[in-house]
Protein backbone atom coordinates (compact mmCIF):
# COMPACT_ATOMS: atom_id res chain seq x y z
CA MET A 1 -21.35 -15.16 13.41
CA SER A 2 -18.72 -14.05 10.85
CA PHE A 3 -15.74 -15.93 9.74
CA PHE A 4 -13.51 -13.71 11.66
CA ASN A 5 -15.42 -13.87 14.78
CA ARG A 6 -15.37 -17.73 14.62
CA ARG A 7 -11.53 -17.49 14.45
CA ALA A 8 -11.48 -15.62 18.19
CA ASN A 9 -9.75 -18.35 20.03
CA GLU A 10 -7.35 -19.45 17.01
CA ASN A 11 -4.14 -17.68 15.95
CA SER A 12 -4.69 -14.22 14.74
CA LEU A 13 -4.88 -13.08 11.20
CA TYR A 14 -2.75 -9.99 10.28
CA LEU A 15 -3.23 -7.53 7.36
CA ILE A 16 0.01 -5.48 7.14
CA VAL A 17 -0.52 -2.46 4.89
CA ILE A 18 2.62 -0.91 3.86
CA THR A 19 2.37 2.49 2.23
CA GLY A 20 4.70 4.99 0.96
CA CYS A 21 5.36 7.43 -2.08
CA ALA A 22 6.33 6.45 -5.54
CA GLY A 23 9.99 4.85 -5.50
CA SER A 24 10.04 4.53 -1.62
CA GLY A 25 10.72 0.91 -1.80
CA LYS A 26 7.16 -0.59 -0.79
CA THR A 27 7.53 -3.61 -3.12
CA THR A 28 11.11 -4.58 -2.18
CA VAL A 29 10.01 -4.14 1.58
CA GLY A 30 6.91 -5.97 1.24
CA LYS A 31 7.85 -8.90 -0.63
CA GLU A 32 10.81 -9.52 1.79
CA LEU A 33 8.47 -9.20 4.79
CA ALA A 34 6.02 -11.45 3.47
CA LYS A 35 8.62 -14.16 2.66
CA GLN A 36 9.88 -13.71 6.19
CA LEU A 37 6.59 -14.04 8.18
CA GLY A 38 5.27 -16.57 5.61
CA TYR A 39 2.31 -14.42 4.68
CA ALA A 40 0.63 -13.95 1.23
CA TYR A 41 1.82 -10.91 -0.69
CA ILE A 42 -0.27 -8.48 -2.91
CA ASP A 43 0.69 -5.39 -4.91
CA LYS A 44 -2.09 -3.24 -5.53
CA ASP A 45 -0.77 -2.38 -8.68
CA THR A 46 -0.41 -6.13 -9.92
CA VAL A 47 -4.04 -6.52 -9.17
CA THR A 48 -5.33 -3.38 -11.04
CA ARG A 49 -2.87 -1.96 -13.40
CA ASP A 50 -3.52 -3.76 -16.79
CA TYR A 51 -7.22 -3.38 -16.31
CA THR A 52 -6.83 0.39 -15.34
CA ASP A 53 -4.61 1.30 -18.21
CA HIS A 54 -7.05 -0.43 -20.60
CA ILE A 55 -9.97 1.56 -19.13
CA LEU A 56 -7.97 4.84 -19.45
CA LYS A 57 -7.19 4.27 -22.95
CA ARG A 58 -10.64 3.28 -23.90
CA SER A 59 -11.93 6.55 -22.12
CA GLY A 60 -9.63 8.77 -24.39
CA SER A 61 -6.96 9.11 -21.78
CA PHE A 62 -3.47 7.36 -21.83
CA GLU A 63 -1.91 4.16 -20.46
CA GLY A 64 -0.05 5.61 -17.36
CA ASP A 65 -2.44 8.23 -16.59
CA ARG A 66 -2.30 8.75 -12.60
CA GLU A 67 -2.90 12.39 -12.35
CA SER A 68 -6.37 13.14 -14.07
CA ASP A 69 -9.66 13.65 -12.22
CA LEU A 70 -10.98 10.46 -14.33
CA TYR A 71 -8.31 8.40 -12.55
CA LYS A 72 -8.10 9.97 -9.10
CA ASN A 73 -11.95 10.38 -8.52
CA GLU A 74 -13.41 7.49 -10.51
CA ILE A 75 -10.76 4.59 -11.22
CA LEU A 76 -8.66 4.89 -8.06
CA PRO A 77 -11.38 4.39 -5.41
CA ILE A 78 -12.32 1.30 -7.34
CA GLU A 79 -8.80 0.17 -7.47
CA TYR A 80 -8.52 0.22 -3.62
CA ARG A 81 -11.95 -1.39 -3.18
CA VAL A 82 -11.05 -4.51 -5.37
CA THR A 83 -7.60 -4.73 -3.83
CA PHE A 84 -8.76 -4.97 -0.32
CA LYS A 85 -11.67 -7.31 -1.29
CA VAL A 86 -8.84 -9.64 -2.86
CA CYS A 87 -6.97 -9.33 0.66
CA ARG A 88 -10.45 -10.14 2.52
CA GLU A 89 -10.85 -13.51 0.42
CA ILE A 90 -7.16 -14.52 1.21
CA LEU A 91 -7.79 -13.59 4.90
CA GLU A 92 -11.12 -15.73 4.98
CA ASN A 93 -9.06 -18.59 3.83
CA GLY A 94 -6.99 -18.43 7.02
CA THR A 95 -3.73 -16.63 5.64
CA SER A 96 -2.32 -13.36 6.67
CA VAL A 97 -1.48 -10.95 3.98
CA VAL A 98 1.17 -8.14 3.47
CA LEU A 99 -0.25 -5.46 1.00
CA THR A 100 1.68 -2.83 -0.91
CA ILE A 101 -0.36 0.18 -1.81
CA PRO A 102 0.39 3.96 -1.94
CA PHE A 103 -2.73 4.96 0.07
CA ILE A 104 -1.23 8.47 0.30
CA GLY A 105 -4.66 10.20 1.10
CA GLN A 106 -6.31 7.38 3.13
CA ILE A 107 -3.04 7.10 5.33
CA ARG A 108 -3.51 10.75 6.54
CA ASP A 109 -7.13 10.29 7.44
CA ARG A 110 -8.49 7.31 9.50
CA SER A 111 -12.08 7.90 8.20
CA LYS A 112 -11.21 7.16 4.70
CA TRP A 113 -9.61 4.06 5.90
CA LEU A 114 -12.63 2.88 7.96
CA ALA A 115 -15.00 3.46 4.83
CA ILE A 116 -12.95 1.07 2.84
CA LYS A 117 -12.41 -1.38 5.51
CA GLU A 118 -16.22 -1.47 5.89
CA GLU A 119 -16.95 -1.84 2.34
CA ALA A 120 -14.41 -4.78 1.98
CA ARG A 121 -15.79 -6.38 5.00
CA ILE A 122 -12.63 -6.89 6.77
CA GLY A 123 -13.49 -8.07 10.41
CA ASP A 124 -12.59 -6.20 13.41
CA ASP A 125 -10.84 -9.36 14.65
CA VAL A 126 -8.04 -9.19 11.70
CA ASN A 127 -4.88 -7.34 13.11
CA VAL A 128 -4.69 -4.57 10.60
CA LYS A 129 -1.11 -2.79 10.92
CA PHE A 130 0.20 0.10 8.70
CA ILE A 131 3.75 0.71 7.82
CA TRP A 132 4.64 4.09 6.56
CA ILE A 133 7.92 4.07 4.30
CA LYS A 134 9.92 7.02 4.73
CA HIS A 135 12.51 7.75 2.01
CA ASP A 136 14.54 10.36 1.04
CA ILE A 137 13.10 12.52 -2.12
CA ASN A 138 16.14 12.21 -4.29
CA THR A 139 16.45 8.53 -3.66
CA GLU A 140 12.80 8.03 -4.63
CA LYS A 141 13.50 10.03 -7.93
CA LYS A 142 16.40 7.54 -8.77
CA ASN A 143 14.05 4.60 -8.04
CA ILE A 144 11.34 6.14 -10.08
CA LEU A 145 13.78 6.79 -13.17
CA LYS A 146 15.34 3.20 -12.67
CA ARG A 147 11.87 1.44 -13.01
CA GLY A 148 10.85 3.59 -16.06
CA ALA A 149 7.26 3.02 -15.79
CA SER A 150 4.61 5.15 -17.87
CA ARG A 151 2.68 5.91 -14.78
CA ASP A 152 5.57 8.11 -13.45
CA ALA A 153 5.92 10.31 -16.50
CA TYR A 154 3.85 13.27 -15.00
CA LYS A 155 5.73 13.03 -11.63
CA LEU A 156 9.10 13.12 -13.54
CA SER A 157 8.21 16.11 -15.89
CA HIS A 158 6.53 17.98 -12.94
CA TRP A 159 9.15 17.07 -10.25
CA ASP A 160 9.34 19.88 -8.38
CA GLU A 161 5.54 20.41 -7.93
CA TYR A 162 5.31 16.66 -7.02
CA ALA A 163 8.12 16.95 -4.51
CA ASP A 164 6.34 19.90 -2.64
CA SER A 165 3.04 17.85 -2.85
CA ILE A 166 4.37 15.01 -0.88
CA GLU A 167 6.69 16.94 1.40
CA GLY A 168 5.85 16.39 5.24
CA ILE A 169 3.30 13.47 4.80
CA GLU A 170 2.70 11.48 8.03
CA PRO A 171 0.04 8.94 8.90
CA ALA A 172 -2.71 9.83 11.20
CA PRO A 173 -1.81 9.39 14.68
CA GLU A 174 -4.88 7.15 15.09
CA LEU A 175 -3.60 4.33 12.75
CA ASN A 176 -0.44 3.74 15.02
CA ALA A 177 1.50 3.18 11.80
CA TYR A 178 5.15 2.04 12.21
CA ILE A 179 7.32 4.67 10.45
CA TYR A 180 10.01 2.76 8.53
CA VAL A 181 13.13 4.74 7.48
CA ASN A 182 14.19 3.08 4.30
CA ASP A 183 18.02 3.37 4.63
CA CYS A 184 19.58 1.91 1.17
CA GLU A 185 22.73 1.45 3.23
CA ALA A 186 21.33 -0.88 5.62
CA LYS A 187 20.74 -4.70 5.13
CA LEU A 188 16.87 -5.43 4.71
CA THR A 189 16.81 -8.47 6.54
CA ASP A 190 18.14 -6.81 9.55
CA THR A 191 16.07 -3.65 9.44
CA LEU A 192 13.01 -5.74 9.29
CA VAL A 193 13.63 -7.46 12.70
CA GLU A 194 12.15 -4.60 14.52
CA VAL A 195 9.33 -4.35 12.20
CA LYS A 196 8.49 -8.03 12.89
CA ARG A 197 8.63 -7.66 16.71
CA TRP A 198 6.28 -4.44 16.23
CA ILE A 199 3.59 -6.43 14.41
CA LYS A 200 3.34 -9.04 16.90
CA ARG A 201 3.07 -6.52 19.82
């Protein structure tokens, strides 16, 4: 019997996966939600960024490369696998998790998520809930410029192309994701009230 099956009659464990494009506000929303719920908080970039940048430089690329085939086809899948395995270990200790992760391709294709879930051995009795952060593209650009991260250099130098590539992205209906419209004028603690109700449904 798996750890997760042994918890069948205990309080449910949750894995809240917050996804969205660069500059959409995933980190801000994720940290506040984790704080309010009392869950552990994990950011994919924090888990993997230093190692990824090191490998990219050693492989002849550059720190901040997030557009090459090397990154997209070889490194990014490992980043995702490692991050979800970290989540699994925390869940196994009985603590629910809020994870922020781009997951742009996976949020549109349930089969990709299921493959990662199986490899990370996240049990079916963990309540996995997806939140897709929807944000105005111009505000996203302002946020990207403000943080000044090297991984955003390509996006900024090819902004129109990048903006076209993310236009209209929506989660796969089968994932039953919560669409969170990140209104910068609204108070974050207030906008998360409905999110918390939805998580516990």
